[in-house]
Amino acid sequence: MKKELHSRPTPRGRAFWYTERLWSLAAKLPVKRVRIDEVKEFDLDCWFDGQAPTCREVAENAKRIAAADLSFPGNLSCDGRLMDGGHRIAKAWVAGAEEINAIQFSQDPAPDFYKGEPQA
């Protein structure tokens, strides 16, 4: 099975973190309540790379949302960006929640690797 990744553009190129490693690093951090409306990525395209999704791709994500385990908190970077937990946030929102449990790194862990050209 393919390992899940979080990525974002950085000055060194696109940085990638394995989500399983993020869970391990976040395990001892305190959990806090975060308003879903404050998670900027909830209103961004984090799953479809700027392409119009097919019905199958929407259904695949709906399946992942339904299976999401809300007992695990979302992971936020030191500046509040979502690093892991989009499907859990979506499930909580669909259920009518206004807040989710999350941990926030005080300092972001080093990426597992970089790809591509540096971003300006």
Protein backbone atom coordinates (compact mmCIF):
# COMPACT_ATOMS: atom_id res chain seq x y z
CA MET A 1 0.00 0.00 0.00
CA LYS A 2 1.25 3.46 -0.91
CA LYS A 3 2.36 5.59 2.05
CA GLU A 4 0.32 8.74 2.54
CA LEU A 5 2.11 12.05 2.21
CA HIS A 6 1.62 15.69 3.06
CA SER A 7 3.37 18.18 0.78
CA ARG A 8 3.73 21.88 0.18
CA PRO A 9 5.94 24.17 -1.91
CA THR A 10 9.04 25.57 -0.21
CA PRO A 11 12.08 27.57 -1.33
CA ARG A 12 14.00 24.24 -1.65
CA GLY A 13 11.34 22.62 -3.85
CA ARG A 14 8.20 20.70 -2.92
CA ALA A 15 8.64 19.30 0.60
CA PHE A 16 7.09 15.95 1.53
CA TRP A 17 6.33 14.43 4.94
CA TYR A 18 5.13 10.87 5.48
CA THR A 19 1.92 11.20 7.49
CA GLU A 20 2.73 8.10 9.55
CA ARG A 21 5.92 9.85 10.74
CA LEU A 22 3.93 13.01 11.54
CA TRP A 23 1.59 10.91 13.73
CA SER A 24 4.57 9.49 15.59
CA LEU A 25 6.12 12.93 16.13
CA ALA A 26 2.77 14.37 17.26
CA ALA A 27 1.88 11.54 19.64
CA LYS A 28 3.02 13.33 22.80
CA LEU A 29 1.89 16.83 21.87
CA PRO A 30 -1.15 18.34 23.61
CA VAL A 31 -4.51 18.15 21.88
CA LYS A 32 -6.47 21.38 21.50
CA ARG A 33 -9.80 22.38 19.97
CA VAL A 34 -9.61 24.23 16.65
CA ARG A 35 -12.48 25.85 14.77
CA ILE A 36 -12.94 24.17 11.39
CA ASP A 37 -13.43 27.61 9.80
CA GLU A 38 -9.89 28.52 10.91
CA VAL A 39 -8.31 25.63 8.97
CA LYS A 40 -7.54 27.40 5.68
CA GLU A 41 -6.96 24.16 3.78
CA PHE A 42 -10.60 23.15 4.32
CA ASP A 43 -11.45 25.73 1.64
CA LEU A 44 -8.60 24.80 -0.72
CA ASP A 45 -8.07 22.05 -3.30
CA CYS A 46 -5.91 19.62 -1.33
CA TRP A 47 -6.93 16.45 -3.14
CA PHE A 48 -7.36 17.08 -6.88
CA ASP A 49 -4.24 19.05 -7.94
CA GLY A 50 -6.24 21.80 -9.63
CA GLN A 51 -8.01 19.36 -11.94
CA ALA A 52 -11.77 18.86 -12.05
CA PRO A 53 -12.30 15.56 -10.22
CA THR A 54 -14.13 12.68 -11.80
CA CYS A 55 -17.22 11.26 -10.12
CA ARG A 56 -15.10 8.25 -9.13
CA GLU A 57 -12.49 10.50 -7.46
CA VAL A 58 -15.21 12.32 -5.53
CA ALA A 59 -16.71 8.97 -4.50
CA GLU A 60 -13.29 7.66 -3.43
CA ASN A 61 -12.83 10.70 -1.19
CA ALA A 62 -16.39 10.35 0.14
CA LYS A 63 -15.53 6.77 1.08
CA ARG A 64 -12.38 7.95 2.90
CA ILE A 65 -14.37 10.67 4.68
CA ALA A 66 -16.94 8.12 5.86
CA ALA A 67 -14.17 5.82 7.13
CA ALA A 68 -12.24 8.62 8.88
CA ASP A 69 -11.64 8.00 12.58
CA LEU A 70 -12.45 11.15 14.56
CA SER A 71 -10.67 9.81 17.63
CA PHE A 72 -7.38 10.89 16.01
CA PRO A 73 -6.63 14.63 16.04
CA GLY A 74 -5.62 16.56 12.94
CA ASN A 75 -2.00 17.68 12.64
CA LEU A 76 -1.21 21.36 12.12
CA SER A 77 2.09 22.98 11.23
CA CYS A 78 3.59 25.62 13.52
CA ASP A 79 1.79 28.33 11.50
CA GLY A 80 -1.55 26.49 11.59
CA ARG A 81 -1.55 24.84 8.16
CA LEU A 82 -3.11 21.41 7.90
CA MET A 83 -0.51 18.65 7.59
CA ASP A 84 -2.85 15.69 8.14
CA GLY A 85 -6.54 15.20 8.84
CA GLY A 86 -8.50 16.62 5.91
CA HIS A 87 -10.85 13.65 5.70
CA ARG A 88 -11.44 13.77 9.47
CA ILE A 89 -12.22 17.50 9.28
CA ALA A 90 -14.63 16.86 6.41
CA LYS A 91 -16.38 14.10 8.39
CA ALA A 92 -16.72 16.34 11.45
CA TRP A 93 -18.07 19.20 9.32
CA VAL A 94 -20.62 16.96 7.57
CA ALA A 95 -21.80 15.83 11.03
CA GLY A 96 -22.35 19.49 11.99
CA ALA A 97 -19.26 20.02 14.15
CA GLU A 98 -17.72 23.48 14.30
CA GLU A 99 -14.49 22.35 15.98
CA ILE A 100 -12.08 19.45 15.78
CA ASN A 101 -9.32 18.07 17.95
CA ALA A 102 -5.87 18.94 16.65
CA ILE A 103 -2.25 19.05 17.65
CA GLN A 104 0.03 21.82 16.48
CA PHE A 105 3.77 21.55 16.09
CA SER A 106 5.66 24.39 17.78
CA GLN A 107 8.39 23.81 15.19
CA ASP A 108 7.73 21.89 11.99
CA PRO A 109 9.60 18.62 11.62
CA ALA A 110 12.12 18.42 8.79
CA PRO A 111 10.57 17.06 5.58
CA ASP A 112 11.29 13.47 4.63
CA PHE A 113 12.32 14.56 1.14
CA TYR A 114 12.06 17.29 -1.53
CA LYS A 115 11.11 17.07 -5.21
CA GLY A 116 11.04 19.45 -8.11
CA GLU A 117 12.22 22.96 -8.67
CA PRO A 118 12.43 25.52 -5.87
CA GLN A 119 9.37 27.77 -5.52
CA ALA A 120 9.79 31.53 -5.65
